Amino acid sequence: MQPALQIFLAFLQIGLVGYGGGPAFIPLVQEEVVDRHHWLSNEEFVDAVAVANSLPGPIATKMAAYVGFKVAGFWGAAAGVTGVALPSVVLMLLL
């Protein structure tokens, strides 16, 4: 499976089950990125959380973009952000 597709599916799952805002997403992202797929080490993940917290905007999309870019470049970042945002966008459009 292509890395961008793997990133999309991982962050789509996070976007579907994540509830409670940005800080609630951090353990879900860590489980997928560090423990399951081994895309980042624990140290890299902590650095990513620090950078994501220092920038304005939702932390889930910043984490998805960071991980996606680190793993698969621009298309990985686009896939991660799309995956994490898609469930919310679809639900908002349906409502």
Protein backbone atom coordinates (compact mmCIF):
# COMPACT_ATOMS: atom_id res chain seq x y z
CA MET A 1 0.00 0.00 0.00
CA GLN A 2 1.30 3.46 -0.83
CA PRO A 3 2.50 5.59 2.11
CA ALA A 4 0.09 8.47 1.36
CA LEU A 5 -2.86 6.07 1.37
CA GLN A 6 -1.68 4.52 4.65
CA ILE A 7 -1.41 8.00 6.16
CA PHE A 8 -4.87 8.92 4.88
CA LEU A 9 -6.45 5.79 6.35
CA ALA A 10 -4.67 6.16 9.70
CA PHE A 11 -5.78 9.77 10.12
CA LEU A 12 -9.26 9.02 8.79
CA GLN A 13 -9.62 6.51 11.62
CA ILE A 14 -8.42 9.13 14.11
CA GLY A 15 -10.86 11.67 12.68
CA LEU A 16 -13.73 9.19 12.96
CA VAL A 17 -13.17 8.08 16.55
CA GLY A 18 -11.55 11.20 18.00
CA TYR A 19 -13.84 13.18 20.26
CA GLY A 20 -13.07 16.01 22.64
CA GLY A 21 -10.91 18.45 20.73
CA GLY A 22 -7.20 18.70 20.08
CA PRO A 23 -5.73 17.36 23.33
CA ALA A 24 -7.93 14.27 23.07
CA PHE A 25 -6.42 13.51 19.65
CA ILE A 26 -2.82 13.38 20.88
CA PRO A 27 -2.96 9.84 22.38
CA LEU A 28 -4.79 8.56 19.30
CA VAL A 29 -2.14 10.02 17.01
CA GLN A 30 0.62 8.60 19.20
CA GLU A 31 -0.92 5.12 19.08
CA GLU A 32 -1.14 5.17 15.28
CA VAL A 33 2.10 6.97 14.47
CA VAL A 34 4.52 5.65 17.09
CA ASP A 35 3.16 2.32 18.27
CA ARG A 36 1.33 0.88 15.27
CA HIS A 37 3.11 2.19 12.15
CA HIS A 38 6.47 3.25 13.63
CA TRP A 39 6.57 6.38 11.47
CA LEU A 40 8.06 8.44 14.34
CA SER A 41 10.02 7.61 17.47
CA ASN A 42 8.76 8.75 20.86
CA GLU A 43 11.26 11.62 20.85
CA GLU A 44 10.18 12.78 17.38
CA PHE A 45 6.55 12.58 18.45
CA VAL A 46 7.16 14.74 21.52
CA ASP A 47 8.94 17.28 19.32
CA ALA A 48 6.01 17.23 16.88
CA VAL A 49 3.54 17.87 19.70
CA ALA A 50 5.67 20.79 20.93
CA VAL A 51 5.81 22.35 17.47
CA ALA A 52 2.09 21.77 16.89
CA ASN A 53 1.22 23.42 20.21
CA SER A 54 3.33 26.46 19.42
CA LEU A 55 1.51 27.19 16.14
CA PRO A 56 -2.02 28.59 15.87
CA GLY A 57 -4.89 26.38 14.74
CA PRO A 58 -6.21 22.91 15.49
CA ILE A 59 -3.55 20.52 16.74
CA ALA A 60 -4.97 17.46 14.97
CA THR A 61 -4.49 18.93 11.51
CA LYS A 62 -1.00 20.19 12.34
CA MET A 63 0.01 16.76 13.64
CA ALA A 64 -1.44 15.10 10.53
CA ALA A 65 0.45 17.49 8.27
CA TYR A 66 3.72 17.02 10.16
CA VAL A 67 3.56 13.23 10.20
CA GLY A 68 2.39 13.06 6.60
CA PHE A 69 5.16 15.35 5.39
CA LYS A 70 7.81 13.46 7.37
CA VAL A 71 6.71 10.12 5.93
CA ALA A 72 5.65 10.94 2.35
CA GLY A 73 6.36 14.58 1.59
CA PHE A 74 3.72 16.98 0.30
CA TRP A 75 1.24 14.28 -0.71
CA GLY A 76 1.56 12.63 2.67
CA ALA A 77 0.79 15.92 4.41
CA ALA A 78 -2.22 16.47 2.16
CA ALA A 79 -3.43 12.92 2.80
CA GLY A 80 -3.08 13.28 6.58
CA VAL A 81 -4.93 16.58 6.77
CA THR A 82 -7.66 15.32 4.45
CA GLY A 83 -8.06 12.14 6.46
CA VAL A 84 -8.37 13.85 9.82
CA ALA A 85 -10.70 16.61 8.56
CA LEU A 86 -12.93 14.60 6.23
CA PRO A 87 -15.24 13.04 8.87
CA SER A 88 -15.97 16.45 10.43
CA VAL A 89 -16.57 18.08 7.07
CA VAL A 90 -18.94 15.33 5.92
CA LEU A 91 -20.90 15.40 9.17
CA MET A 92 -21.20 19.19 9.07
CA LEU A 93 -22.47 19.07 5.48
CA LEU A 94 -25.00 16.39 6.36
CA LEU A 95 -26.27 18.33 9.34
